[in-house]
Amino acid sequence: MIAAEARRMPHRRATAPVAVLALLLGGALSACGFDAPTDRINTIAAGSNERSAQVDALGIRVLSARAGEGRLIGSLANNTGDEAALTDVSGEGISLARFRPVTVAGSAGLNLASDVPAPVLLTGEFAAGQVLTLDLAFDTGETVTLDVPVVKYCGQYTQIPEPVVDLGSSGEETPEGDATYLCEHPHDDEDH
């Protein structure tokens, strides 16, 4: 019996270094350490985010109720102690229909959907479902470029006042049958 126990002891001693090595490797291969993914900024949002300038552009979208017109929504966060302003929005084939610079107080944020006296209205050849490349220029001398989704005026966006863009005689009316802007898509009940 003693001989049998003696034969088992070396086996137990061999597993101890393996267990210690497994613990060390497990710690080294886990998410612990420098620049871990859990230490990085993770903004899950419907819009586009850009944090490279003194003013962060967060959740930026174009809210569109009809083809060719929309309003810029999202948030601006001023990381400086001084006041900063959005002075221009531009993109290929995009025009500002009506615009006043949007001022953001120092070390503060601003919601473009509700905190501005006049919405940032855009016109151009775009429709819901597209992505526009827009340049946002600030009076800090910085310009950020974002790929901004165009979302339709449905769901959570119906809480945002829909501005009317006067396109004059050159504007195109959205055809009544255009399903792009329908909030409730028709479906055949027999198929469900």
C-alpha atoms as a PDB file:
ATOM      1  CA  MET A   1       0.000   0.000   0.000  1.00  0.00           C
ATOM      2  CA  ILE A   2       2.839   2.396   0.759  1.00  0.00           C
ATOM      3  CA  ALA A   3       4.452   1.559  -2.559  1.00  0.00           C
ATOM      4  CA  ALA A   4       1.206   2.390  -4.375  1.00  0.00           C
ATOM      5  CA  GLU A   5       0.966   5.773  -2.633  1.00  0.00           C
ATOM      6  CA  ALA A   6       4.577   6.542  -3.455  1.00  0.00           C
ATOM      7  CA  ARG A   7       3.888   5.902  -7.107  1.00  0.00           C
ATOM      8  CA  ARG A   8       0.968   8.390  -7.057  1.00  0.00           C
ATOM      9  CA  MET A   9       2.866  11.225  -5.339  1.00  0.00           C
ATOM     10  CA  PRO A  10       5.142  12.108  -8.294  1.00  0.00           C
ATOM     11  CA  HIS A  11       2.073  12.325 -10.457  1.00  0.00           C
ATOM     12  CA  ARG A  12       0.517  14.886  -8.079  1.00  0.00           C
ATOM     13  CA  ARG A  13       3.731  16.878  -7.939  1.00  0.00           C
ATOM     14  CA  ALA A  14       3.866  17.110 -11.749  1.00  0.00           C
ATOM     15  CA  THR A  15       0.376  18.640 -11.922  1.00  0.00           C
ATOM     16  CA  ALA A  16       1.235  21.473  -9.507  1.00  0.00           C
ATOM     17  CA  PRO A  17       3.670  23.254 -11.917  1.00  0.00           C
ATOM     18  CA  VAL A  18       1.232  22.728 -14.790  1.00  0.00           C
ATOM     19  CA  ALA A  19      -1.577  24.311 -12.755  1.00  0.00           C
ATOM     20  CA  VAL A  20       0.614  27.301 -11.822  1.00  0.00           C
ATOM     21  CA  LEU A  21       1.661  27.718 -15.474  1.00  0.00           C
ATOM     22  CA  ALA A  22      -2.006  27.542 -16.589  1.00  0.00           C
ATOM     23  CA  LEU A  23      -2.952  30.257 -14.089  1.00  0.00           C
ATOM     24  CA  LEU A  24      -0.138  32.526 -15.266  1.00  0.00           C
ATOM     25  CA  LEU A  25      -0.963  32.015 -18.942  1.00  0.00           C
ATOM     26  CA  GLY A  26      -4.669  32.490 -18.277  1.00  0.00           C
ATOM     27  CA  GLY A  27      -3.986  35.877 -16.688  1.00  0.00           C
ATOM     28  CA  ALA A  28      -1.648  36.919 -19.501  1.00  0.00           C
ATOM     29  CA  LEU A  29      -4.070  35.899 -22.252  1.00  0.00           C
ATOM     30  CA  SER A  30      -7.155  37.488 -20.692  1.00  0.00           C
ATOM     31  CA  ALA A  31      -8.338  41.078 -21.269  1.00  0.00           C
ATOM     32  CA  CYS A  32      -6.303  42.367 -18.345  1.00  0.00           C
ATOM     33  CA  GLY A  33      -3.390  44.679 -18.999  1.00  0.00           C
ATOM     34  CA  PHE A  34      -2.718  47.861 -20.905  1.00  0.00           C
ATOM     35  CA  ASP A  35      -5.110  49.117 -23.600  1.00  0.00           C
ATOM     36  CA  ALA A  36      -7.714  46.513 -22.734  1.00  0.00           C
ATOM     37  CA  PRO A  37     -10.922  46.710 -24.791  1.00  0.00           C
ATOM     38  CA  THR A  38     -12.833  47.498 -21.615  1.00  0.00           C
ATOM     39  CA  ASP A  39     -10.721  50.653 -21.179  1.00  0.00           C
ATOM     40  CA  ARG A  40     -11.589  52.050 -24.629  1.00  0.00           C
ATOM     41  CA  ILE A  41     -14.489  54.393 -25.436  1.00  0.00           C
ATOM     42  CA  ASN A  42     -17.440  52.388 -26.725  1.00  0.00           C
ATOM     43  CA  THR A  43     -20.284  54.514 -28.022  1.00  0.00           C
ATOM     44  CA  ILE A  44     -23.129  52.458 -29.377  1.00  0.00           C
ATOM     45  CA  ALA A  45     -25.279  54.912 -31.307  1.00  0.00           C
ATOM     46  CA  ALA A  46     -27.447  55.110 -34.387  1.00  0.00           C
ATOM     47  CA  GLY A  47     -25.357  57.930 -35.834  1.00  0.00           C
ATOM     48  CA  SER A  48     -21.751  58.728 -36.555  1.00  0.00           C
ATOM     49  CA  ASN A  49     -19.209  59.728 -33.894  1.00  0.00           C
ATOM     50  CA  GLU A  50     -16.002  61.742 -34.164  1.00  0.00           C
ATOM     51  CA  ARG A  51     -13.881  62.558 -31.111  1.00  0.00           C
ATOM     52  CA  SER A  52     -10.677  63.818 -32.748  1.00  0.00           C
ATOM     53  CA  ALA A  53     -11.397  67.565 -32.424  1.00  0.00           C
ATOM     54  CA  GLN A  54     -11.904  69.903 -29.477  1.00  0.00           C
ATOM     55  CA  VAL A  55     -15.654  69.553 -30.044  1.00  0.00           C
ATOM     56  CA  ASP A  56     -16.916  65.948 -30.199  1.00  0.00           C
ATOM     57  CA  ALA A  57     -19.638  65.169 -32.746  1.00  0.00           C
ATOM     58  CA  LEU A  58     -21.726  62.317 -31.313  1.00  0.00           C
ATOM     59  CA  GLY A  59     -24.595  60.320 -32.805  1.00  0.00           C
ATOM     60  CA  ILE A  60     -24.781  62.600 -35.848  1.00  0.00           C
ATOM     61  CA  ARG A  61     -27.613  61.763 -38.269  1.00  0.00           C
ATOM     62  CA  VAL A  62     -29.687  63.504 -40.898  1.00  0.00           C
ATOM     63  CA  LEU A  63     -33.389  63.193 -40.096  1.00  0.00           C
ATOM     64  CA  SER A  64     -35.394  63.230 -43.322  1.00  0.00           C
ATOM     65  CA  ALA A  65     -39.167  63.321 -43.754  1.00  0.00           C
ATOM     66  CA  ARG A  66     -38.971  63.517 -47.553  1.00  0.00           C
ATOM     67  CA  ALA A  67     -36.365  63.066 -50.283  1.00  0.00           C
ATOM     68  CA  GLY A  68     -33.892  65.904 -50.681  1.00  0.00           C
ATOM     69  CA  GLU A  69     -34.330  67.579 -47.305  1.00  0.00           C
ATOM     70  CA  GLY A  70     -33.495  66.920 -43.690  1.00  0.00           C
ATOM     71  CA  ARG A  71     -32.120  68.272 -40.465  1.00  0.00           C
ATOM     72  CA  LEU A  72     -28.892  67.499 -38.683  1.00  0.00           C
ATOM     73  CA  ILE A  73     -29.415  65.833 -35.293  1.00  0.00           C
ATOM     74  CA  GLY A  74     -27.063  64.399 -32.677  1.00  0.00           C
ATOM     75  CA  SER A  75     -24.920  66.011 -29.992  1.00  0.00           C
ATOM     76  CA  LEU A  76     -21.921  68.300 -29.813  1.00  0.00           C
ATOM     77  CA  ALA A  77     -19.681  68.116 -26.732  1.00  0.00           C
ATOM     78  CA  ASN A  78     -17.255  70.990 -26.191  1.00  0.00           C
ATOM     79  CA  ASN A  79     -14.102  69.720 -24.478  1.00  0.00           C
ATOM     80  CA  THR A  80     -12.570  73.170 -24.079  1.00  0.00           C
ATOM     81  CA  GLY A  81     -13.200  75.702 -21.341  1.00  0.00           C
ATOM     82  CA  ASP A  82     -14.095  78.320 -23.955  1.00  0.00           C
ATOM     83  CA  GLU A  83     -17.214  78.687 -26.056  1.00  0.00           C
ATOM     84  CA  ALA A  84     -17.050  76.999 -29.485  1.00  0.00           C
ATOM     85  CA  ALA A  85     -19.403  77.092 -32.472  1.00  0.00           C
ATOM     86  CA  LEU A  86     -20.377  74.905 -35.394  1.00  0.00           C
ATOM     87  CA  THR A  87     -19.897  77.348 -38.276  1.00  0.00           C
ATOM     88  CA  ASP A  88     -20.580  75.240 -41.375  1.00  0.00           C
ATOM     89  CA  VAL A  89     -21.882  71.891 -42.575  1.00  0.00           C
ATOM     90  CA  SER A  90     -20.945  70.817 -46.082  1.00  0.00           C
ATOM     91  CA  GLY A  91     -20.802  67.780 -48.301  1.00  0.00           C
ATOM     92  CA  GLU A  92     -20.889  66.837 -51.962  1.00  0.00           C
ATOM     93  CA  GLY A  93     -24.254  67.895 -53.371  1.00  0.00           C
ATOM     94  CA  ILE A  94     -25.413  69.170 -49.951  1.00  0.00           C
ATOM     95  CA  SER A  95     -26.558  72.734 -49.251  1.00  0.00           C
ATOM     96  CA  LEU A  96     -27.545  74.483 -46.062  1.00  0.00           C
ATOM     97  CA  ALA A  97     -31.167  75.541 -46.466  1.00  0.00           C
ATOM     98  CA  ARG A  98     -31.158  77.696 -43.364  1.00  0.00           C
ATOM     99  CA  PHE A  99     -28.285  78.021 -40.932  1.00  0.00           C
ATOM    100  CA  ARG A 100     -27.160  80.020 -37.957  1.00  0.00           C
ATOM    101  CA  PRO A 101     -23.909  79.055 -36.211  1.00  0.00           C
ATOM    102  CA  VAL A 102     -24.564  76.695 -33.304  1.00  0.00           C
ATOM    103  CA  THR A 103     -22.754  77.799 -30.135  1.00  0.00           C
ATOM    104  CA  VAL A 104     -21.717  75.262 -27.495  1.00  0.00           C
ATOM    105  CA  ALA A 105     -20.725  76.606 -24.074  1.00  0.00           C
ATOM    106  CA  GLY A 106     -17.301  75.709 -22.682  1.00  0.00           C
ATOM    107  CA  SER A 107     -17.098  72.241 -21.100  1.00  0.00           C
ATOM    108  CA  ALA A 108     -20.718  71.558 -22.068  1.00  0.00           C
ATOM    109  CA  GLY A 109     -22.821  69.581 -24.493  1.00  0.00           C
ATOM    110  CA  LEU A 110     -25.662  70.449 -26.831  1.00  0.00           C
ATOM    111  CA  ASN A 111     -28.385  68.337 -28.426  1.00  0.00           C
ATOM    112  CA  LEU A 112     -28.961  69.437 -32.039  1.00  0.00           C
ATOM    113  CA  ALA A 113     -32.502  68.028 -31.971  1.00  0.00           C
ATOM    114  CA  SER A 114     -33.766  70.074 -29.028  1.00  0.00           C
ATOM    115  CA  ASP A 115     -31.251  72.601 -27.676  1.00  0.00           C
ATOM    116  CA  VAL A 116     -30.833  74.902 -30.694  1.00  0.00           C
ATOM    117  CA  PRO A 117     -33.069  77.872 -31.523  1.00  0.00           C
ATOM    118  CA  ALA A 118     -32.940  77.130 -35.264  1.00  0.00           C
ATOM    119  CA  PRO A 119     -32.398  73.608 -36.649  1.00  0.00           C
ATOM    120  CA  VAL A 120     -29.548  72.907 -39.072  1.00  0.00           C
ATOM    121  CA  LEU A 121     -31.489  72.249 -42.298  1.00  0.00           C
ATOM    122  CA  LEU A 122     -29.902  70.501 -45.270  1.00  0.00           C
ATOM    123  CA  THR A 123     -31.025  70.016 -48.871  1.00  0.00           C
ATOM    124  CA  GLY A 124     -29.568  67.960 -51.691  1.00  0.00           C
ATOM    125  CA  GLU A 125     -29.927  64.718 -53.550  1.00  0.00           C
ATOM    126  CA  PHE A 126     -30.330  62.251 -50.695  1.00  0.00           C
ATOM    127  CA  ALA A 127     -32.977  59.982 -49.235  1.00  0.00           C
ATOM    128  CA  ALA A 128     -33.531  57.883 -46.134  1.00  0.00           C
ATOM    129  CA  GLY A 129     -31.260  54.860 -46.015  1.00  0.00           C
ATOM    130  CA  GLN A 130     -28.287  56.581 -47.629  1.00  0.00           C
ATOM    131  CA  VAL A 131     -25.040  57.632 -45.958  1.00  0.00           C
ATOM    132  CA  LEU A 132     -23.714  61.154 -46.578  1.00  0.00           C
ATOM    133  CA  THR A 133     -20.134  62.294 -46.101  1.00  0.00           C
ATOM    134  CA  LEU A 134     -20.412  65.591 -44.221  1.00  0.00           C
ATOM    135  CA  ASP A 135     -17.779  68.050 -43.038  1.00  0.00           C
ATOM    136  CA  LEU A 136     -18.560  69.882 -39.793  1.00  0.00           C
ATOM    137  CA  ALA A 137     -16.478  73.042 -39.391  1.00  0.00           C
ATOM    138  CA  PHE A 138     -15.953  74.723 -36.030  1.00  0.00           C
ATOM    139  CA  ASP A 139     -14.678  78.179 -35.083  1.00  0.00           C
ATOM    140  CA  THR A 140     -11.778  76.414 -33.336  1.00  0.00           C
ATOM    141  CA  GLY A 141     -10.281  76.040 -36.816  1.00  0.00           C
ATOM    142  CA  GLU A 142     -11.014  72.323 -36.917  1.00  0.00           C
ATOM    143  CA  THR A 143     -13.152  70.401 -39.394  1.00  0.00           C
ATOM    144  CA  VAL A 144     -14.304  66.827 -38.853  1.00  0.00           C
ATOM    145  CA  THR A 145     -15.522  64.507 -41.584  1.00  0.00           C
ATOM    146  CA  LEU A 146     -18.229  61.962 -40.801  1.00  0.00           C
ATOM    147  CA  ASP A 147     -20.160  59.331 -42.727  1.00  0.00           C
ATOM    148  CA  VAL A 148     -23.656  60.237 -41.580  1.00  0.00           C
ATOM    149  CA  PRO A 149     -26.711  57.990 -42.012  1.00  0.00           C
ATOM    150  CA  VAL A 150     -29.953  59.500 -43.293  1.00  0.00           C
ATOM    151  CA  VAL A 151     -32.824  58.224 -41.136  1.00  0.00           C
ATOM    152  CA  LYS A 152     -36.537  58.565 -41.808  1.00  0.00           C
ATOM    153  CA  TYR A 153     -38.936  60.469 -39.600  1.00  0.00           C
ATOM    154  CA  CYS A 154     -40.386  57.416 -37.788  1.00  0.00           C
ATOM    155  CA  GLY A 155     -40.231  55.701 -34.382  1.00  0.00           C
ATOM    156  CA  GLN A 156     -38.227  57.632 -31.787  1.00  0.00           C
ATOM    157  CA  TYR A 157     -37.632  60.444 -34.274  1.00  0.00           C
ATOM    158  CA  THR A 158     -41.299  61.510 -34.331  1.00  0.00           C
ATOM    159  CA  GLN A 159     -40.674  63.290 -31.002  1.00  0.00           C
ATOM    160  CA  ILE A 160     -38.417  65.760 -32.839  1.00  0.00           C
ATOM    161  CA  PRO A 161     -40.267  68.685 -34.433  1.00  0.00           C
ATOM    162  CA  GLU A 162     -40.285  68.324 -38.197  1.00  0.00           C
ATOM    163  CA  PRO A 163     -39.017  71.545 -39.765  1.00  0.00           C
ATOM    164  CA  VAL A 164     -40.387  72.632 -43.114  1.00  0.00           C
ATOM    165  CA  VAL A 165     -37.724  73.344 -45.696  1.00  0.00           C
ATOM    166  CA  ASP A 166     -38.952  75.776 -48.349  1.00  0.00           C
ATOM    167  CA  LEU A 167     -37.532  74.313 -51.534  1.00  0.00           C
ATOM    168  CA  GLY A 168     -39.405  76.763 -53.762  1.00  0.00           C
ATOM    169  CA  SER A 169     -40.228  75.704 -57.293  1.00  0.00           C
ATOM    170  CA  SER A 170     -36.977  73.748 -57.713  1.00  0.00           C
ATOM    171  CA  GLY A 171     -37.816  71.207 -55.004  1.00  0.00           C
ATOM    172  CA  GLU A 172     -39.069  67.763 -55.835  1.00  0.00           C
ATOM    173  CA  GLU A 173     -42.141  66.420 -54.152  1.00  0.00           C
ATOM    174  CA  THR A 174     -42.000  62.892 -52.798  1.00  0.00           C
ATOM    175  CA  PRO A 175     -44.455  60.752 -54.760  1.00  0.00           C
ATOM    176  CA  GLU A 176     -47.398  59.451 -52.726  1.00  0.00           C
ATOM    177  CA  GLY A 177     -46.428  55.854 -53.535  1.00  0.00           C
ATOM    178  CA  ASP A 178     -42.805  56.180 -52.349  1.00  0.00           C
ATOM    179  CA  ALA A 179     -42.377  53.481 -49.689  1.00  0.00           C
ATOM    180  CA  THR A 180     -39.031  54.932 -48.549  1.00  0.00           C
ATOM    181  CA  TYR A 181     -40.750  57.230 -46.081  1.00  0.00           C
ATOM    182  CA  LEU A 182     -43.553  54.952 -44.895  1.00  0.00           C
ATOM    183  CA  CYS A 183     -43.286  54.192 -41.180  1.00  0.00           C
ATOM    184  CA  GLU A 184     -45.672  51.251 -41.336  1.00  0.00           C
ATOM    185  CA  HIS A 185     -44.716  48.978 -44.202  1.00  0.00           C
ATOM    186  CA  PRO A 186     -47.725  47.197 -45.692  1.00  0.00           C
ATOM    187  CA  HIS A 187     -47.622  43.410 -45.475  1.00  0.00           C
ATOM    188  CA  ASP A 188     -49.838  40.607 -46.599  1.00  0.00           C
ATOM    189  CA  ASP A 189     -51.522  39.011 -43.544  1.00  0.00           C
ATOM    190  CA  GLU A 190     -52.013  35.757 -45.445  1.00  0.00           C
ATOM    191  CA  ASP A 191     -48.255  35.164 -45.547  1.00  0.00           C
ATOM    192  CA  HIS A 192     -47.847  35.434 -41.746  1.00  0.00           C
END
